[in-house]
Amino acid sequence: METPFRAYLNEVRWRALYFALAAATSFYVSFTYRNTFLVGLALPLVQDQQRLIATSVSEIFSAHIFTCVNLSVLFCFPLAAHHTYSFLSNAWRASERSEFKGFLLMNTLTFVFSLYVTHYFTIPLIWDFFSNFQVNSPGLGLKIQNEVKVHSYVTWVTTTLFISANLALLPLWILTVVRDLSSTTVLRGLRKYFFTVSMVLGTMLSTPDVITQLTITLWLIASYECSLLYAINKGV
């Protein structure tokens, strides 16, 4: 007869195997359509008719691998959430299952929306800001043009996307931590401190462009306020 510990261990083993197969499949699909995904990441450059360069033989290949790995992580997130819920929900009450589903839905929607805003709004703004420092002065005989390395650009874009998305999730995780400590009074009391931290993070994690700084700051503040409203509606 199989012991409970061994049964749980076998379940974890099989779920890990399913996740590994899904990750390998998503990596294969991403690599198959690698050029399409790379063009999507290079949207600001495509709009400005810019180009990317490679200064080593393997740089383009490594950029594709880096992009596909990050896409695999992104595509496998719903599966990871499903396996986590399926494994843990057996020991939960019905109210806890419902609460976790709501929390997971809010996290997913916030994460996806943050990726969309960052990719189509924040990153083009940052690119335009740095592009303004290019020099094209035939009268002075000087021309300075951005020639961005493909791996450097892909790393910058993916890092910006994941940082922005996880910062947007910060208020939801704060809500999860404090909900067992006190009521929404805690969130109201921490509001002014979070606003200050948001302004500091908006300055540190963006370019010197004021628009980009305000965008990150306002997005963090809006996320925090949405978390507070959610807590009030749920009676936390």
C-alpha atoms as a PDB file:
ATOM      1  CA  MET A   1       0.000   0.000   0.000  1.00  0.00           C
ATOM      2  CA  GLU A   2       1.371   3.369  -0.971  1.00  0.00           C
ATOM      3  CA  THR A   3       2.010   5.794   1.880  1.00  0.00           C
ATOM      4  CA  PRO A   4       0.527   9.334   1.709  1.00  0.00           C
ATOM      5  CA  PHE A   5       4.001  10.862   1.493  1.00  0.00           C
ATOM      6  CA  ARG A   6       4.980   8.649  -1.443  1.00  0.00           C
ATOM      7  CA  ALA A   7       1.646   9.373  -3.141  1.00  0.00           C
ATOM      8  CA  TYR A   8       2.268  13.125  -2.886  1.00  0.00           C
ATOM      9  CA  LEU A   9       5.823  12.629  -4.100  1.00  0.00           C
ATOM     10  CA  ASN A  10       4.622  10.701  -7.138  1.00  0.00           C
ATOM     11  CA  GLU A  11       2.053  13.383  -7.896  1.00  0.00           C
ATOM     12  CA  VAL A  12       4.715  16.083  -7.725  1.00  0.00           C
ATOM     13  CA  ARG A  13       6.953  13.995  -9.981  1.00  0.00           C
ATOM     14  CA  TRP A  14       4.274  13.572 -12.645  1.00  0.00           C
ATOM     15  CA  ARG A  15       3.230  17.203 -12.508  1.00  0.00           C
ATOM     16  CA  ALA A  16       6.867  18.253 -12.907  1.00  0.00           C
ATOM     17  CA  LEU A  17       7.144  15.929 -15.897  1.00  0.00           C
ATOM     18  CA  TYR A  18       4.037  17.411 -17.522  1.00  0.00           C
ATOM     19  CA  PHE A  19       5.362  20.906 -16.916  1.00  0.00           C
ATOM     20  CA  ALA A  20       8.761  20.019 -18.413  1.00  0.00           C
ATOM     21  CA  LEU A  21       7.067  18.601 -21.528  1.00  0.00           C
ATOM     22  CA  ALA A  22       4.941  21.733 -21.849  1.00  0.00           C
ATOM     23  CA  ALA A  23       8.005  23.945 -21.453  1.00  0.00           C
ATOM     24  CA  ALA A  24       9.862  21.989 -24.141  1.00  0.00           C
ATOM     25  CA  THR A  25       6.850  22.211 -26.469  1.00  0.00           C
ATOM     26  CA  SER A  26       6.456  25.952 -25.952  1.00  0.00           C
ATOM     27  CA  PHE A  27      10.172  26.449 -26.537  1.00  0.00           C
ATOM     28  CA  TYR A  28       9.928  24.475 -29.788  1.00  0.00           C
ATOM     29  CA  VAL A  29       6.952  26.543 -30.982  1.00  0.00           C
ATOM     30  CA  SER A  30       8.682  29.781 -29.987  1.00  0.00           C
ATOM     31  CA  PHE A  31      11.843  28.798 -31.803  1.00  0.00           C
ATOM     32  CA  THR A  32       9.861  27.792 -34.893  1.00  0.00           C
ATOM     33  CA  TYR A  33       8.316  31.286 -35.068  1.00  0.00           C
ATOM     34  CA  ARG A  34      11.369  33.040 -33.659  1.00  0.00           C
ATOM     35  CA  ASN A  35      11.532  35.693 -36.378  1.00  0.00           C
ATOM     36  CA  THR A  36       7.914  36.697 -35.793  1.00  0.00           C
ATOM     37  CA  PHE A  37       8.464  37.061 -32.058  1.00  0.00           C
ATOM     38  CA  LEU A  38      11.699  38.987 -32.580  1.00  0.00           C
ATOM     39  CA  VAL A  39       9.951  41.442 -34.895  1.00  0.00           C
ATOM     40  CA  GLY A  40       7.291  41.888 -32.238  1.00  0.00           C
ATOM     41  CA  LEU A  41       9.925  42.757 -29.631  1.00  0.00           C
ATOM     42  CA  ALA A  42      11.586  45.153 -32.080  1.00  0.00           C
ATOM     43  CA  LEU A  43       8.366  47.095 -32.667  1.00  0.00           C
ATOM     44  CA  PRO A  44       9.847  50.548 -31.826  1.00  0.00           C
ATOM     45  CA  LEU A  45      12.704  49.949 -34.265  1.00  0.00           C
ATOM     46  CA  VAL A  46      10.355  48.763 -37.014  1.00  0.00           C
ATOM     47  CA  GLN A  47       8.297  51.915 -36.671  1.00  0.00           C
ATOM     48  CA  ASP A  48      11.417  54.103 -36.951  1.00  0.00           C
ATOM     49  CA  GLN A  49      12.911  51.917 -39.709  1.00  0.00           C
ATOM     50  CA  GLN A  50      15.954  51.236 -37.564  1.00  0.00           C
ATOM     51  CA  ARG A  51      18.084  48.112 -37.605  1.00  0.00           C
ATOM     52  CA  LEU A  52      19.820  45.787 -35.196  1.00  0.00           C
ATOM     53  CA  ILE A  53      23.389  44.614 -35.572  1.00  0.00           C
ATOM     54  CA  ALA A  54      25.395  41.602 -34.408  1.00  0.00           C
ATOM     55  CA  THR A  55      29.072  41.852 -33.560  1.00  0.00           C
ATOM     56  CA  SER A  56      29.762  38.158 -33.038  1.00  0.00           C
ATOM     57  CA  VAL A  57      29.000  34.986 -34.949  1.00  0.00           C
ATOM     58  CA  SER A  58      26.671  33.515 -32.318  1.00  0.00           C
ATOM     59  CA  GLU A  59      24.963  36.702 -31.157  1.00  0.00           C
ATOM     60  CA  ILE A  60      21.818  36.359 -33.293  1.00  0.00           C
ATOM     61  CA  PHE A  61      21.448  32.711 -32.264  1.00  0.00           C
ATOM     62  CA  SER A  62      21.861  33.550 -28.577  1.00  0.00           C
ATOM     63  CA  ALA A  63      19.306  36.356 -28.910  1.00  0.00           C
ATOM     64  CA  HIS A  64      16.799  33.893 -30.362  1.00  0.00           C
ATOM     65  CA  ILE A  65      17.484  31.390 -27.562  1.00  0.00           C
ATOM     66  CA  PHE A  66      17.087  34.082 -24.912  1.00  0.00           C
ATOM     67  CA  THR A  67      13.800  35.223 -26.455  1.00  0.00           C
ATOM     68  CA  CYS A  68      12.436  31.672 -26.723  1.00  0.00           C
ATOM     69  CA  VAL A  69      13.322  30.826 -23.114  1.00  0.00           C
ATOM     70  CA  ASN A  70      11.506  33.905 -21.833  1.00  0.00           C
ATOM     71  CA  LEU A  71       8.505  33.181 -24.031  1.00  0.00           C
ATOM     72  CA  SER A  72       8.410  29.613 -22.728  1.00  0.00           C
ATOM     73  CA  VAL A  73       8.293  30.905 -19.154  1.00  0.00           C
ATOM     74  CA  LEU A  74       5.475  33.258 -20.118  1.00  0.00           C
ATOM     75  CA  PHE A  75       3.465  30.615 -21.974  1.00  0.00           C
ATOM     76  CA  CYS A  76       3.866  28.054 -19.171  1.00  0.00           C
ATOM     77  CA  PHE A  77       2.639  30.392 -16.448  1.00  0.00           C
ATOM     78  CA  PRO A  78      -1.047  29.323 -16.782  1.00  0.00           C
ATOM     79  CA  LEU A  79      -0.025  25.664 -16.614  1.00  0.00           C
ATOM     80  CA  ALA A  80       2.123  26.289 -13.543  1.00  0.00           C
ATOM     81  CA  ALA A  81      -0.776  28.092 -11.868  1.00  0.00           C
ATOM     82  CA  HIS A  82      -3.134  25.230 -12.733  1.00  0.00           C
ATOM     83  CA  HIS A  83      -0.814  22.564 -11.297  1.00  0.00           C
ATOM     84  CA  THR A  84      -0.240  24.631  -8.152  1.00  0.00           C
ATOM     85  CA  TYR A  85      -3.961  25.039  -7.628  1.00  0.00           C
ATOM     86  CA  SER A  86      -4.741  21.384  -8.395  1.00  0.00           C
ATOM     87  CA  PHE A  87      -2.065  20.134  -6.009  1.00  0.00           C
ATOM     88  CA  LEU A  88      -2.927  22.408  -3.083  1.00  0.00           C
ATOM     89  CA  SER A  89      -6.697  22.735  -3.423  1.00  0.00           C
ATOM     90  CA  ASN A  90      -7.370  19.221  -2.072  1.00  0.00           C
ATOM     91  CA  ALA A  91      -6.540  20.476   1.410  1.00  0.00           C
ATOM     92  CA  TRP A  92      -8.528  23.733   1.109  1.00  0.00           C
ATOM     93  CA  ARG A  93     -12.064  24.645   2.015  1.00  0.00           C
ATOM     94  CA  ALA A  94     -14.475  25.758  -0.710  1.00  0.00           C
ATOM     95  CA  SER A  95     -14.109  29.403   0.351  1.00  0.00           C
ATOM     96  CA  GLU A  96     -10.326  29.170   0.090  1.00  0.00           C
ATOM     97  CA  ARG A  97     -10.543  27.677  -3.389  1.00  0.00           C
ATOM     98  CA  SER A  98     -12.841  30.475  -4.531  1.00  0.00           C
ATOM     99  CA  GLU A  99     -10.588  33.117  -2.999  1.00  0.00           C
ATOM    100  CA  PHE A 100      -7.482  31.698  -4.630  1.00  0.00           C
ATOM    101  CA  LYS A 101      -9.209  31.604  -8.038  1.00  0.00           C
ATOM    102  CA  GLY A 102     -10.133  35.277  -7.709  1.00  0.00           C
ATOM    103  CA  PHE A 103      -6.610  36.190  -6.635  1.00  0.00           C
ATOM    104  CA  LEU A 104      -5.089  34.194  -9.492  1.00  0.00           C
ATOM    105  CA  LEU A 105      -7.445  35.806 -12.013  1.00  0.00           C
ATOM    106  CA  MET A 106      -6.534  39.302 -10.828  1.00  0.00           C
ATOM    107  CA  ASN A 107      -2.824  38.475 -10.965  1.00  0.00           C
ATOM    108  CA  THR A 108      -3.114  37.099 -14.501  1.00  0.00           C
ATOM    109  CA  LEU A 109      -5.150  40.031 -15.846  1.00  0.00           C
ATOM    110  CA  THR A 110      -2.837  42.562 -14.199  1.00  0.00           C
ATOM    111  CA  PHE A 111       0.265  40.811 -15.510  1.00  0.00           C
ATOM    112  CA  VAL A 112      -1.030  40.592 -19.091  1.00  0.00           C
ATOM    113  CA  PHE A 113      -2.317  44.174 -19.125  1.00  0.00           C
ATOM    114  CA  SER A 114       0.983  45.442 -17.740  1.00  0.00           C
ATOM    115  CA  LEU A 115       2.886  43.597 -20.482  1.00  0.00           C
ATOM    116  CA  TYR A 116       0.613  45.188 -23.090  1.00  0.00           C
ATOM    117  CA  VAL A 117       1.008  48.730 -21.730  1.00  0.00           C
ATOM    118  CA  THR A 118       4.770  48.375 -21.341  1.00  0.00           C
ATOM    119  CA  HIS A 119       5.301  46.916 -24.819  1.00  0.00           C
ATOM    120  CA  TYR A 120       3.081  49.308 -26.769  1.00  0.00           C
ATOM    121  CA  PHE A 121       3.490  52.473 -24.698  1.00  0.00           C
ATOM    122  CA  THR A 122       6.400  52.554 -22.247  1.00  0.00           C
ATOM    123  CA  ILE A 123       9.110  50.928 -24.388  1.00  0.00           C
ATOM    124  CA  PRO A 124       8.404  53.130 -27.470  1.00  0.00           C
ATOM    125  CA  LEU A 125       8.572  56.186 -25.207  1.00  0.00           C
ATOM    126  CA  ILE A 126      11.938  55.104 -23.800  1.00  0.00           C
ATOM    127  CA  TRP A 127      13.240  54.358 -27.294  1.00  0.00           C
ATOM    128  CA  ASP A 128      12.092  57.759 -28.601  1.00  0.00           C
ATOM    129  CA  PHE A 129      13.752  59.476 -25.669  1.00  0.00           C
ATOM    130  CA  PHE A 130      17.162  57.939 -26.360  1.00  0.00           C
ATOM    131  CA  SER A 131      16.745  58.335 -30.124  1.00  0.00           C
ATOM    132  CA  ASN A 132      16.512  62.089 -29.676  1.00  0.00           C
ATOM    133  CA  PHE A 133      20.194  62.145 -28.724  1.00  0.00           C
ATOM    134  CA  GLN A 134      21.297  60.993 -32.161  1.00  0.00           C
ATOM    135  CA  VAL A 135      23.274  63.605 -34.065  1.00  0.00           C
ATOM    136  CA  ASN A 136      22.793  64.291 -37.769  1.00  0.00           C
ATOM    137  CA  SER A 137      24.460  67.573 -38.602  1.00  0.00           C
ATOM    138  CA  PRO A 138      25.874  67.653 -42.147  1.00  0.00           C
ATOM    139  CA  GLY A 139      26.915  71.258 -41.641  1.00  0.00           C
ATOM    140  CA  LEU A 140      29.272  70.271 -38.859  1.00  0.00           C
ATOM    141  CA  GLY A 141      30.287  67.047 -40.585  1.00  0.00           C
ATOM    142  CA  LEU A 142      29.095  64.936 -37.661  1.00  0.00           C
ATOM    143  CA  LYS A 143      26.655  62.035 -37.603  1.00  0.00           C
ATOM    144  CA  ILE A 144      26.005  59.844 -34.573  1.00  0.00           C
ATOM    145  CA  GLN A 145      23.446  57.085 -35.030  1.00  0.00           C
ATOM    146  CA  ASN A 146      22.209  54.320 -32.755  1.00  0.00           C
ATOM    147  CA  GLU A 147      23.460  50.910 -33.886  1.00  0.00           C
ATOM    148  CA  VAL A 148      21.996  48.628 -31.241  1.00  0.00           C
ATOM    149  CA  LYS A 149      23.259  45.083 -30.781  1.00  0.00           C
ATOM    150  CA  VAL A 150      20.493  42.532 -31.156  1.00  0.00           C
ATOM    151  CA  HIS A 151      21.253  40.670 -27.912  1.00  0.00           C
ATOM    152  CA  SER A 152      21.528  43.919 -25.975  1.00  0.00           C
ATOM    153  CA  TYR A 153      18.178  45.102 -27.323  1.00  0.00           C
ATOM    154  CA  VAL A 154      16.370  41.814 -26.639  1.00  0.00           C
ATOM    155  CA  THR A 155      17.754  41.700 -23.102  1.00  0.00           C
ATOM    156  CA  TRP A 156      16.692  45.294 -22.457  1.00  0.00           C
ATOM    157  CA  VAL A 157      13.151  44.770 -23.775  1.00  0.00           C
ATOM    158  CA  THR A 158      12.486  41.506 -21.917  1.00  0.00           C
ATOM    159  CA  THR A 159      13.954  42.881 -18.684  1.00  0.00           C
ATOM    160  CA  THR A 160      11.798  46.004 -18.936  1.00  0.00           C
ATOM    161  CA  LEU A 161       8.685  43.921 -19.633  1.00  0.00           C
ATOM    162  CA  PHE A 162       9.165  41.551 -16.713  1.00  0.00           C
ATOM    163  CA  ILE A 163      10.170  44.288 -14.257  1.00  0.00           C
ATOM    164  CA  SER A 164       7.129  46.379 -15.159  1.00  0.00           C
ATOM    165  CA  ALA A 165       4.768  43.412 -14.980  1.00  0.00           C
ATOM    166  CA  ASN A 166       6.069  42.275 -11.590  1.00  0.00           C
ATOM    167  CA  LEU A 167       5.961  45.806 -10.212  1.00  0.00           C
ATOM    168  CA  ALA A 168       2.309  45.954 -11.210  1.00  0.00           C
ATOM    169  CA  LEU A 169       1.726  42.758  -9.196  1.00  0.00           C
ATOM    170  CA  LEU A 170       3.379  44.244  -6.115  1.00  0.00           C
ATOM    171  CA  PRO A 171       0.179  45.745  -4.636  1.00  0.00           C
ATOM    172  CA  LEU A 172      -1.652  42.428  -4.998  1.00  0.00           C
ATOM    173  CA  TRP A 173       1.087  40.634  -3.093  1.00  0.00           C
ATOM    174  CA  ILE A 174       1.018  43.357  -0.452  1.00  0.00           C
ATOM    175  CA  LEU A 175      -2.711  42.762  -0.111  1.00  0.00           C
ATOM    176  CA  THR A 176      -2.097  39.030   0.328  1.00  0.00           C
ATOM    177  CA  VAL A 177       0.457  39.633   3.073  1.00  0.00           C
ATOM    178  CA  VAL A 178      -1.488  42.174   5.117  1.00  0.00           C
ATOM    179  CA  ARG A 179      -4.931  40.588   4.832  1.00  0.00           C
ATOM    180  CA  ASP A 180      -4.113  38.181   7.647  1.00  0.00           C
ATOM    181  CA  LEU A 181      -2.601  40.890   9.815  1.00  0.00           C
ATOM    182  CA  SER A 182      -5.379  43.438   9.929  1.00  0.00           C
ATOM    183  CA  SER A 183      -8.188  44.993   7.922  1.00  0.00           C
ATOM    184  CA  THR A 184      -8.067  47.449   5.030  1.00  0.00           C
ATOM    185  CA  THR A 185      -7.062  50.081   7.586  1.00  0.00           C
ATOM    186  CA  VAL A 186      -3.513  48.806   7.160  1.00  0.00           C
ATOM    187  CA  LEU A 187      -3.623  49.451   3.416  1.00  0.00           C
ATOM    188  CA  ARG A 188      -5.048  52.921   3.952  1.00  0.00           C
ATOM    189  CA  GLY A 189      -2.333  53.689   6.472  1.00  0.00           C
ATOM    190  CA  LEU A 190       0.416  52.467   4.133  1.00  0.00           C
ATOM    191  CA  ARG A 191      -0.937  54.438   1.169  1.00  0.00           C
ATOM    192  CA  LYS A 192       1.249  57.531   1.573  1.00  0.00           C
ATOM    193  CA  TYR A 193       4.372  55.410   2.047  1.00  0.00           C
ATOM    194  CA  PHE A 194       3.562  53.337  -1.019  1.00  0.00           C
ATOM    195  CA  PHE A 195       3.034  56.505  -3.071  1.00  0.00           C
ATOM    196  CA  THR A 196       6.508  57.701  -2.042  1.00  0.00           C
ATOM    197  CA  VAL A 197       8.057  54.323  -2.889  1.00  0.00           C
ATOM    198  CA  SER A 198       6.235  54.363  -6.243  1.00  0.00           C
ATOM    199  CA  MET A 199       7.753  57.720  -7.152  1.00  0.00           C
ATOM    200  CA  VAL A 200      11.224  56.504  -6.183  1.00  0.00           C
ATOM    201  CA  LEU A 201      10.833  53.292  -8.201  1.00  0.00           C
ATOM    202  CA  GLY A 202       9.428  55.240 -11.144  1.00  0.00           C
ATOM    203  CA  THR A 203      12.562  57.380 -11.126  1.00  0.00           C
ATOM    204  CA  MET A 204      15.055  54.537 -10.623  1.00  0.00           C
ATOM    205  CA  LEU A 205      13.574  52.042 -13.081  1.00  0.00           C
ATOM    206  CA  SER A 206      13.030  54.388 -16.016  1.00  0.00           C
ATOM    207  CA  THR A 207      14.907  56.792 -18.234  1.00  0.00           C
ATOM    208  CA  PRO A 208      15.310  60.471 -17.318  1.00  0.00           C
ATOM    209  CA  ASP A 209      12.182  61.061 -19.409  1.00  0.00           C
ATOM    210  CA  VAL A 210       9.504  62.609 -17.168  1.00  0.00           C
ATOM    211  CA  ILE A 211       6.650  60.989 -19.112  1.00  0.00           C
ATOM    212  CA  THR A 212       8.039  57.497 -18.572  1.00  0.00           C
ATOM    213  CA  GLN A 213       8.657  58.162 -14.881  1.00  0.00           C
ATOM    214  CA  LEU A 214       5.099  59.415 -14.400  1.00  0.00           C
ATOM    215  CA  THR A 215       3.725  56.444 -16.342  1.00  0.00           C
ATOM    216  CA  ILE A 216       5.416  53.894 -14.066  1.00  0.00           C
ATOM    217  CA  THR A 217       4.522  55.852 -10.923  1.00  0.00           C
ATOM    218  CA  LEU A 218       0.857  56.295 -11.862  1.00  0.00           C
ATOM    219  CA  TRP A 219       0.579  52.644 -12.885  1.00  0.00           C
ATOM    220  CA  LEU A 220       1.885  51.484  -9.490  1.00  0.00           C
ATOM    221  CA  ILE A 221      -0.456  53.858  -7.660  1.00  0.00           C
ATOM    222  CA  ALA A 222      -3.432  52.750  -9.752  1.00  0.00           C
ATOM    223  CA  SER A 223      -2.610  49.100  -9.062  1.00  0.00           C
ATOM    224  CA  TYR A 224      -2.452  49.782  -5.331  1.00  0.00           C
ATOM    225  CA  GLU A 225      -5.798  51.583  -5.356  1.00  0.00           C
ATOM    226  CA  CYS A 226      -7.389  48.710  -7.288  1.00  0.00           C
ATOM    227  CA  SER A 227      -6.071  46.285  -4.669  1.00  0.00           C
ATOM    228  CA  LEU A 228      -7.559  48.427  -1.909  1.00  0.00           C
ATOM    229  CA  LEU A 229     -10.947  48.570  -3.646  1.00  0.00           C
ATOM    230  CA  TYR A 230     -10.859  44.809  -4.128  1.00  0.00           C
ATOM    231  CA  ALA A 231     -10.127  44.299  -0.430  1.00  0.00           C
ATOM    232  CA  ILE A 232     -13.002  46.584   0.559  1.00  0.00           C
ATOM    233  CA  ASN A 233     -15.457  44.820  -1.748  1.00  0.00           C
ATOM    234  CA  LYS A 234     -14.406  41.417  -0.438  1.00  0.00           C
ATOM    235  CA  GLY A 235     -14.653  42.601   3.138  1.00  0.00           C
ATOM    236  CA  VAL A 236     -10.996  41.930   3.976  1.00  0.00           C
END
